[in-house]
């Protein structure tokens, strides 16, 4: 995935707009990692969020997308890194990997999911239900992933500015 990104869809139908925004927020997260040192990618700065690192946020985004598409939508076994003892493990279990590998893994999963959902109806129901029993569908999941990515892109903005002064859009 290149970091050339746009939030302007090729057409303004719901599906194209939604997938464009998902792609844009993914590529924004990747762009926010450009030029970061290995040391800074692993450095936690926020006392209230000791697991919040640039590398950890990218890992989290990868595993959140995996969870919503693979486990909740499709009903596949949850193979995420989290455990009952460490429910936020995806933020820190791969901090020894180079940031380039964490980014490559995120990009590969994004491409895999793009290929999977290309022909799926947005009304495709998820196998899993919400905690309260409410059904949800692919449309809701894609909206949720855009929201999740956008929120964490804000965290990446703050971390980069604190780490090395890098700012951007």
Protein backbone atom coordinates (compact mmCIF):
# COMPACT_ATOMS: atom_id res chain seq x y z
CA UNK A 1 0.00 0.00 0.00
CA UNK A 2 1.37 3.38 -0.88
CA UNK A 3 0.75 6.38 1.28
CA UNK A 4 -0.74 8.32 -1.64
CA UNK A 5 -4.10 8.98 -0.17
CA UNK A 6 -7.31 10.80 -0.89
CA UNK A 7 -10.59 11.18 0.92
CA UNK A 8 -12.40 12.03 -2.32
CA UNK A 9 -14.11 8.95 -3.77
CA UNK A 10 -14.23 8.21 -7.48
CA UNK A 11 -18.03 8.26 -7.17
CA UNK A 12 -20.24 9.30 -4.30
CA UNK A 13 -22.29 6.16 -3.87
CA UNK A 14 -22.28 4.77 -0.34
CA UNK A 15 -19.95 1.83 -0.94
CA UNK A 16 -17.28 3.80 -2.81
CA UNK A 17 -17.38 6.62 -0.27
CA UNK A 18 -17.12 4.25 2.68
CA UNK A 19 -14.25 2.22 1.22
CA UNK A 20 -12.42 5.40 0.20
CA UNK A 21 -12.63 6.72 3.76
CA UNK A 22 -11.40 3.40 5.18
CA UNK A 23 -8.47 3.40 2.77
CA UNK A 24 -7.74 7.04 3.59
CA UNK A 25 -7.66 6.47 7.34
CA UNK A 26 -5.44 3.39 6.96
CA UNK A 27 -2.99 5.25 4.72
CA UNK A 28 -3.01 8.21 7.09
CA UNK A 29 -1.89 5.94 9.95
CA UNK A 30 0.92 4.61 7.76
CA UNK A 31 1.93 8.11 6.65
CA UNK A 32 2.17 9.23 10.28
CA UNK A 33 4.92 6.63 10.77
CA UNK A 34 7.10 7.91 7.94
CA UNK A 35 10.66 8.54 9.04
CA UNK A 36 10.18 7.54 12.67
CA UNK A 37 13.20 5.99 14.37
CA UNK A 38 12.97 2.48 15.79
CA UNK A 39 13.54 3.88 19.27
CA UNK A 40 10.75 6.43 18.94
CA UNK A 41 8.36 3.89 17.42
CA UNK A 42 8.55 1.91 20.68
CA UNK A 43 8.64 4.79 23.16
CA UNK A 44 5.65 5.33 25.45
CA UNK A 45 5.15 8.94 26.52
CA UNK A 46 1.71 9.16 28.08
CA UNK A 47 1.64 8.33 31.80
CA UNK A 48 -2.06 7.48 31.69
CA UNK A 49 -1.59 5.21 28.66
CA UNK A 50 1.72 3.37 29.14
CA UNK A 51 0.97 0.98 26.27
CA UNK A 52 0.46 3.81 23.75
CA UNK A 53 3.39 3.75 21.33
CA UNK A 54 3.44 4.41 17.60
CA UNK A 55 4.25 0.78 16.89
CA UNK A 56 1.62 -0.36 19.38
CA UNK A 57 -1.09 1.79 17.81
CA UNK A 58 -0.39 0.33 14.35
CA UNK A 59 -0.46 -3.19 15.81
CA UNK A 60 -3.73 -2.37 17.56
CA UNK A 61 -5.29 -1.07 14.31
CA UNK A 62 -4.25 -4.26 12.53
CA UNK A 63 -5.74 -6.50 15.19
CA UNK A 64 -8.94 -4.48 15.60
CA UNK A 65 -9.60 -4.81 11.87
CA UNK A 66 -8.81 -8.53 12.04
CA UNK A 67 -11.22 -8.96 14.95
CA UNK A 68 -14.12 -7.18 13.28
CA UNK A 69 -13.76 -8.77 9.84
CA UNK A 70 -12.44 -12.25 10.58
CA UNK A 71 -13.98 -13.04 13.96
CA UNK A 72 -17.13 -10.99 14.31
CA UNK A 73 -18.28 -10.70 10.70
CA UNK A 74 -17.18 -14.11 9.42
CA UNK A 75 -17.22 -16.11 12.65
CA UNK A 76 -13.65 -17.41 12.36
CA UNK A 77 -11.82 -18.42 15.52
CA UNK A 78 -10.30 -15.43 17.28
CA UNK A 79 -6.53 -15.77 16.88
CA UNK A 80 -5.74 -12.31 18.22
CA UNK A 81 -2.86 -11.80 20.65
CA UNK A 82 -5.04 -10.68 23.56
CA UNK A 83 -5.66 -12.87 26.58
CA UNK A 84 -7.92 -12.62 29.62
CA UNK A 85 -4.88 -11.64 31.67
CA UNK A 86 -3.70 -9.12 29.07
CA UNK A 87 -6.66 -7.85 27.02
CA UNK A 88 -4.55 -5.05 25.46
CA UNK A 89 -1.64 -7.28 24.48
CA UNK A 90 -1.80 -6.22 20.82
CA UNK A 91 -0.37 -2.85 21.89
CA UNK A 92 2.89 -4.27 23.20
CA UNK A 93 3.55 -7.88 22.26
CA UNK A 94 5.50 -7.03 19.08
CA UNK A 95 7.51 -4.03 20.23
CA UNK A 96 10.72 -5.93 19.44
CA UNK A 97 9.83 -5.98 15.72
CA UNK A 98 11.03 -3.22 13.41
CA UNK A 99 8.29 -0.70 12.70
CA UNK A 100 8.60 -1.60 9.00
CA UNK A 101 7.44 -5.16 9.79
CA UNK A 102 4.52 -3.95 11.90
CA UNK A 103 3.47 -1.63 9.07
CA UNK A 104 3.90 -4.36 6.42
CA UNK A 105 1.68 -6.69 8.45
CA UNK A 106 -1.01 -4.01 8.75
CA UNK A 107 -0.81 -3.25 5.03
CA UNK A 108 -1.02 -6.94 4.09
CA UNK A 109 -4.11 -7.46 6.23
CA UNK A 110 -5.73 -4.35 4.73
CA UNK A 111 -5.12 -5.67 1.19
CA UNK A 112 -6.49 -9.08 2.19
CA UNK A 113 -9.63 -7.51 3.62
CA UNK A 114 -10.09 -5.21 0.62
CA UNK A 115 -10.04 -8.25 -1.66
CA UNK A 116 -12.46 -10.15 0.59
CA UNK A 117 -15.07 -7.43 0.93
CA UNK A 118 -14.88 -6.20 -2.68
CA UNK A 119 -17.97 -8.10 -3.73
CA UNK A 120 -19.83 -8.33 -0.45
CA UNK A 121 -23.12 -6.59 0.14
CA UNK A 122 -22.93 -3.89 2.80
CA UNK A 123 -26.00 -5.47 4.39
CA UNK A 124 -24.14 -8.77 4.89
CA UNK A 125 -24.95 -9.73 8.48
CA UNK A 126 -22.19 -10.46 10.96
CA UNK A 127 -22.10 -13.94 12.46
CA UNK A 128 -21.58 -12.45 15.91
CA UNK A 129 -24.04 -10.10 17.59
CA UNK A 130 -23.46 -7.08 19.77
CA UNK A 131 -23.25 -7.72 23.51
CA UNK A 132 -26.90 -6.72 23.89
CA UNK A 133 -27.95 -9.15 21.13
CA UNK A 134 -28.31 -6.52 18.39
CA UNK A 135 -27.42 -7.70 14.92
CA UNK A 136 -24.97 -5.68 12.86
CA UNK A 137 -23.59 -5.87 9.35
CA UNK A 138 -20.61 -5.14 7.12
CA UNK A 139 -21.73 -1.52 6.66
CA UNK A 140 -21.60 -0.89 10.42
CA UNK A 141 -18.22 -2.64 10.72
CA UNK A 142 -16.69 -0.51 7.97
CA UNK A 143 -18.02 2.67 9.57
CA UNK A 144 -16.64 1.50 12.90
CA UNK A 145 -13.20 0.82 11.38
CA UNK A 146 -13.11 4.33 9.86
CA UNK A 147 -13.94 5.74 13.31
CA UNK A 148 -11.35 3.55 15.03
CA UNK A 149 -8.62 4.50 12.57
CA UNK A 150 -9.48 8.20 12.69
CA UNK A 151 -9.42 8.26 16.50
CA UNK A 152 -6.05 6.53 16.65
CA UNK A 153 -4.67 8.75 13.89
CA UNK A 154 -5.17 11.57 16.39
CA UNK A 155 -3.13 9.61 18.92
CA UNK A 156 -0.41 9.10 16.31
CA UNK A 157 -0.39 12.87 15.67
CA UNK A 158 0.17 13.60 19.34
CA UNK A 159 2.81 10.90 19.78
CA UNK A 160 4.82 12.03 16.74
CA UNK A 161 4.78 15.66 17.77
CA UNK A 162 5.89 14.77 21.30
CA UNK A 163 8.51 12.28 20.09
CA UNK A 164 10.25 14.21 17.33
CA UNK A 165 8.24 17.31 16.47
CA UNK A 166 6.75 15.78 13.31
CA UNK A 167 3.36 17.23 12.43
CA UNK A 168 1.16 16.68 9.43
CA UNK A 169 -2.33 16.03 8.21
